[in-house]
Amino acid sequence: GFVGTWEIVAFTQQDMNSPVNEIRDFSSFYLENTDAPLKLVFSDDDSYTVEIEQGRNYFGSGGTWSFDDPDYPTYLLLEGASDTLQYNLGATIRPHDPTMSIEYRRSCGQGAALTETVTYRFTFNRLD
């Protein structure tokens, strides 16, 4: 159900260290003043491409995609030429699902001192 073209419709940021647990909507960085919002294209051959005209690219320039567990996926893995990016899935995506939600979690520190600092949430609509 993951194969296809996905277009961004929302982008939020949550500061994990904020005492008020605020979630801020920054969708306009990807959607305002553009006719071509960010698109992710996932192919049958496990490759993916990124189409972006504005906003920060958190997805690399393309490469291969996979799940941590094909039967019960929790994470989407995007492997590019120089790094691998991991995104939490908001839900399993089935062929008839019109939306996809993924999270990119950033951290500081190492080992036991690793602290989550911010979570970026991306919501996409299926185009095909």
C-alpha atoms as a PDB file:
ATOM      1  CA  GLY A   1       0.000   0.000   0.000  1.00  0.00           C
ATOM      2  CA  PHE A   2       2.996   2.296   0.229  1.00  0.00           C
ATOM      3  CA  VAL A   3       3.866   2.440  -3.463  1.00  0.00           C
ATOM      4  CA  GLY A   4       2.705   5.619  -5.179  1.00  0.00           C
ATOM      5  CA  THR A   5       3.041   9.383  -5.153  1.00  0.00           C
ATOM      6  CA  TRP A   6       2.442  11.257  -1.903  1.00  0.00           C
ATOM      7  CA  GLU A   7       2.044  15.050  -1.631  1.00  0.00           C
ATOM      8  CA  ILE A   8       2.547  16.940   1.626  1.00  0.00           C
ATOM      9  CA  VAL A   9      -0.539  18.563   3.158  1.00  0.00           C
ATOM     10  CA  ALA A  10       0.705  19.340   6.693  1.00  0.00           C
ATOM     11  CA  PHE A  11       3.954  19.761   8.625  1.00  0.00           C
ATOM     12  CA  THR A  12       4.192  20.291  12.395  1.00  0.00           C
ATOM     13  CA  GLN A  13       7.000  20.530  14.909  1.00  0.00           C
ATOM     14  CA  GLN A  14       6.859  19.552  18.574  1.00  0.00           C
ATOM     15  CA  ASP A  15       9.516  20.626  21.085  1.00  0.00           C
ATOM     16  CA  MET A  16       9.914  17.558  23.299  1.00  0.00           C
ATOM     17  CA  ASN A  17      11.528  19.612  26.091  1.00  0.00           C
ATOM     18  CA  SER A  18       8.877  22.316  26.282  1.00  0.00           C
ATOM     19  CA  PRO A  19       6.915  22.319  29.543  1.00  0.00           C
ATOM     20  CA  VAL A  20       3.710  23.176  27.636  1.00  0.00           C
ATOM     21  CA  ASN A  21       4.225  20.410  25.037  1.00  0.00           C
ATOM     22  CA  GLU A  22       3.447  22.838  22.229  1.00  0.00           C
ATOM     23  CA  ILE A  23       2.902  21.667  18.663  1.00  0.00           C
ATOM     24  CA  ARG A  24       3.481  24.332  16.016  1.00  0.00           C
ATOM     25  CA  ASP A  25       2.100  24.206  12.490  1.00  0.00           C
ATOM     26  CA  PHE A  26       4.732  25.069   9.866  1.00  0.00           C
ATOM     27  CA  SER A  27       2.831  23.730   6.852  1.00  0.00           C
ATOM     28  CA  SER A  28       3.215  27.071   5.073  1.00  0.00           C
ATOM     29  CA  PHE A  29       6.946  26.389   4.613  1.00  0.00           C
ATOM     30  CA  TYR A  30       5.983  23.652   2.149  1.00  0.00           C
ATOM     31  CA  LEU A  31       2.629  24.857   0.843  1.00  0.00           C
ATOM     32  CA  GLU A  32       2.566  28.643   0.610  1.00  0.00           C
ATOM     33  CA  ASN A  33       3.351  30.290  -2.747  1.00  0.00           C
ATOM     34  CA  THR A  34       3.995  27.055  -4.617  1.00  0.00           C
ATOM     35  CA  ASP A  35       2.137  25.085  -7.249  1.00  0.00           C
ATOM     36  CA  ALA A  36       4.296  22.025  -6.601  1.00  0.00           C
ATOM     37  CA  PRO A  37       4.405  21.000  -2.919  1.00  0.00           C
ATOM     38  CA  LEU A  38       6.865  18.381  -1.681  1.00  0.00           C
ATOM     39  CA  LYS A  39       6.202  14.962  -3.187  1.00  0.00           C
ATOM     40  CA  LEU A  40       7.608  11.555  -2.295  1.00  0.00           C
ATOM     41  CA  VAL A  41       7.379   8.846  -4.941  1.00  0.00           C
ATOM     42  CA  PHE A  42       7.757   5.232  -3.765  1.00  0.00           C
ATOM     43  CA  SER A  43       8.236   2.626  -6.517  1.00  0.00           C
ATOM     44  CA  ASP A  44       7.700  -1.148  -6.738  1.00  0.00           C
ATOM     45  CA  ASP A  45      11.447  -1.701  -7.075  1.00  0.00           C
ATOM     46  CA  ASP A  46      11.997  -0.263  -3.545  1.00  0.00           C
ATOM     47  CA  SER A  47      13.385   3.019  -4.898  1.00  0.00           C
ATOM     48  CA  TYR A  48      12.118   6.450  -3.967  1.00  0.00           C
ATOM     49  CA  THR A  49      12.495   9.974  -5.300  1.00  0.00           C
ATOM     50  CA  VAL A  50      11.889  13.397  -3.796  1.00  0.00           C
ATOM     51  CA  GLU A  51      10.361  16.339  -5.628  1.00  0.00           C
ATOM     52  CA  ILE A  52      10.778  19.593  -3.695  1.00  0.00           C
ATOM     53  CA  GLU A  53      10.734  23.257  -4.674  1.00  0.00           C
ATOM     54  CA  GLN A  54      10.536  24.921  -1.266  1.00  0.00           C
ATOM     55  CA  GLY A  55      10.925  23.987   2.379  1.00  0.00           C
ATOM     56  CA  ARG A  56      13.657  21.971   4.015  1.00  0.00           C
ATOM     57  CA  ASN A  57      14.321  18.538   2.575  1.00  0.00           C
ATOM     58  CA  TYR A  58      14.230  15.951   5.383  1.00  0.00           C
ATOM     59  CA  PHE A  59      14.129  13.029   2.933  1.00  0.00           C
ATOM     60  CA  GLY A  60      17.416  13.106   1.014  1.00  0.00           C
ATOM     61  CA  SER A  61      17.711  13.114  -2.743  1.00  0.00           C
ATOM     62  CA  GLY A  62      16.346   9.620  -3.304  1.00  0.00           C
ATOM     63  CA  GLY A  63      17.541   6.047  -2.980  1.00  0.00           C
ATOM     64  CA  THR A  64      15.867   2.926  -1.633  1.00  0.00           C
ATOM     65  CA  TRP A  65      13.095   2.493   0.915  1.00  0.00           C
ATOM     66  CA  SER A  66      12.200  -0.355   3.260  1.00  0.00           C
ATOM     67  CA  PHE A  67      10.489  -1.122   6.543  1.00  0.00           C
ATOM     68  CA  ASP A  68      12.037  -2.362   9.777  1.00  0.00           C
ATOM     69  CA  ASP A  69       9.649  -5.354   9.607  1.00  0.00           C
ATOM     70  CA  PRO A  70       7.788  -5.999   6.323  1.00  0.00           C
ATOM     71  CA  ASP A  71       4.937  -7.846   8.097  1.00  0.00           C
ATOM     72  CA  TYR A  72       4.455  -5.416  11.007  1.00  0.00           C
ATOM     73  CA  PRO A  73       6.186  -2.152  10.093  1.00  0.00           C
ATOM     74  CA  THR A  74       6.911   0.480  12.704  1.00  0.00           C
ATOM     75  CA  TYR A  75       9.620   2.431  10.869  1.00  0.00           C
ATOM     76  CA  LEU A  76      10.143   3.603   7.324  1.00  0.00           C
ATOM     77  CA  LEU A  77      13.822   3.537   6.331  1.00  0.00           C
ATOM     78  CA  LEU A  78      15.110   5.744   3.500  1.00  0.00           C
ATOM     79  CA  GLU A  79      18.611   4.797   2.379  1.00  0.00           C
ATOM     80  CA  GLY A  80      20.499   7.345   0.317  1.00  0.00           C
ATOM     81  CA  ALA A  81      24.041   7.443  -1.003  1.00  0.00           C
ATOM     82  CA  SER A  82      25.495   8.771   2.253  1.00  0.00           C
ATOM     83  CA  ASP A  83      23.026   8.024   5.062  1.00  0.00           C
ATOM     84  CA  THR A  84      19.926   6.172   6.249  1.00  0.00           C
ATOM     85  CA  LEU A  85      16.961   8.118   7.611  1.00  0.00           C
ATOM     86  CA  GLN A  86      14.372   6.566   9.925  1.00  0.00           C
ATOM     87  CA  TYR A  87      10.748   7.712  10.260  1.00  0.00           C
ATOM     88  CA  ASN A  88       8.095   6.435  12.636  1.00  0.00           C
ATOM     89  CA  LEU A  89       4.902   5.421  10.861  1.00  0.00           C
ATOM     90  CA  GLY A  90       1.690   6.974  12.171  1.00  0.00           C
ATOM     91  CA  ALA A  91      -0.137   3.844  10.968  1.00  0.00           C
ATOM     92  CA  THR A  92       0.338   0.984   8.535  1.00  0.00           C
ATOM     93  CA  ILE A  93      -0.443   2.208   5.016  1.00  0.00           C
ATOM     94  CA  ARG A  94      -2.852   0.033   3.049  1.00  0.00           C
ATOM     95  CA  PRO A  95      -3.503   0.300  -0.725  1.00  0.00           C
ATOM     96  CA  HIS A  96      -6.818   2.113  -0.174  1.00  0.00           C
ATOM     97  CA  ASP A  97      -5.572   4.604   2.464  1.00  0.00           C
ATOM     98  CA  PRO A  98      -5.675   8.191   1.159  1.00  0.00           C
ATOM     99  CA  THR A  99      -3.286   9.649   3.763  1.00  0.00           C
ATOM    100  CA  MET A 100       0.071   8.830   5.318  1.00  0.00           C
ATOM    101  CA  SER A 101       1.563  10.277   8.486  1.00  0.00           C
ATOM    102  CA  ILE A 102       5.233   9.886   9.407  1.00  0.00           C
ATOM    103  CA  GLU A 103       7.436  11.337  12.150  1.00  0.00           C
ATOM    104  CA  TYR A 104      11.094  12.268  12.102  1.00  0.00           C
ATOM    105  CA  ARG A 105      12.495  12.385  15.646  1.00  0.00           C
ATOM    106  CA  ARG A 106      15.695  14.304  16.388  1.00  0.00           C
ATOM    107  CA  SER A 107      17.867  13.703  19.436  1.00  0.00           C
ATOM    108  CA  CYS A 108      20.944  15.050  21.192  1.00  0.00           C
ATOM    109  CA  GLY A 109      23.568  13.151  23.153  1.00  0.00           C
ATOM    110  CA  GLN A 110      24.684   9.535  23.064  1.00  0.00           C
ATOM    111  CA  GLY A 111      23.908   6.287  24.827  1.00  0.00           C
ATOM    112  CA  ALA A 112      22.063   6.720  28.126  1.00  0.00           C
ATOM    113  CA  ALA A 113      22.307  10.515  27.756  1.00  0.00           C
ATOM    114  CA  LEU A 114      20.350  10.478  24.473  1.00  0.00           C
ATOM    115  CA  THR A 115      17.455  12.930  24.706  1.00  0.00           C
ATOM    116  CA  GLU A 116      14.690  13.476  22.159  1.00  0.00           C
ATOM    117  CA  THR A 117      14.591  17.162  21.335  1.00  0.00           C
ATOM    118  CA  VAL A 118      12.088  17.665  18.529  1.00  0.00           C
ATOM    119  CA  THR A 119       9.576  15.666  16.503  1.00  0.00           C
ATOM    120  CA  TYR A 120       8.649  16.650  12.964  1.00  0.00           C
ATOM    121  CA  ARG A 121       5.310  15.282  11.727  1.00  0.00           C
ATOM    122  CA  PHE A 122       4.595  15.084   8.016  1.00  0.00           C
ATOM    123  CA  THR A 123       1.149  14.318   6.617  1.00  0.00           C
ATOM    124  CA  PHE A 124       0.776  13.363   2.963  1.00  0.00           C
ATOM    125  CA  ASN A 125      -2.155  12.673   0.623  1.00  0.00           C
ATOM    126  CA  ARG A 126      -1.974   9.917  -1.964  1.00  0.00           C
ATOM    127  CA  LEU A 127      -2.070  11.267  -5.520  1.00  0.00           C
ATOM    128  CA  ASP A 128      -2.383   8.009  -7.463  1.00  0.00           C
END
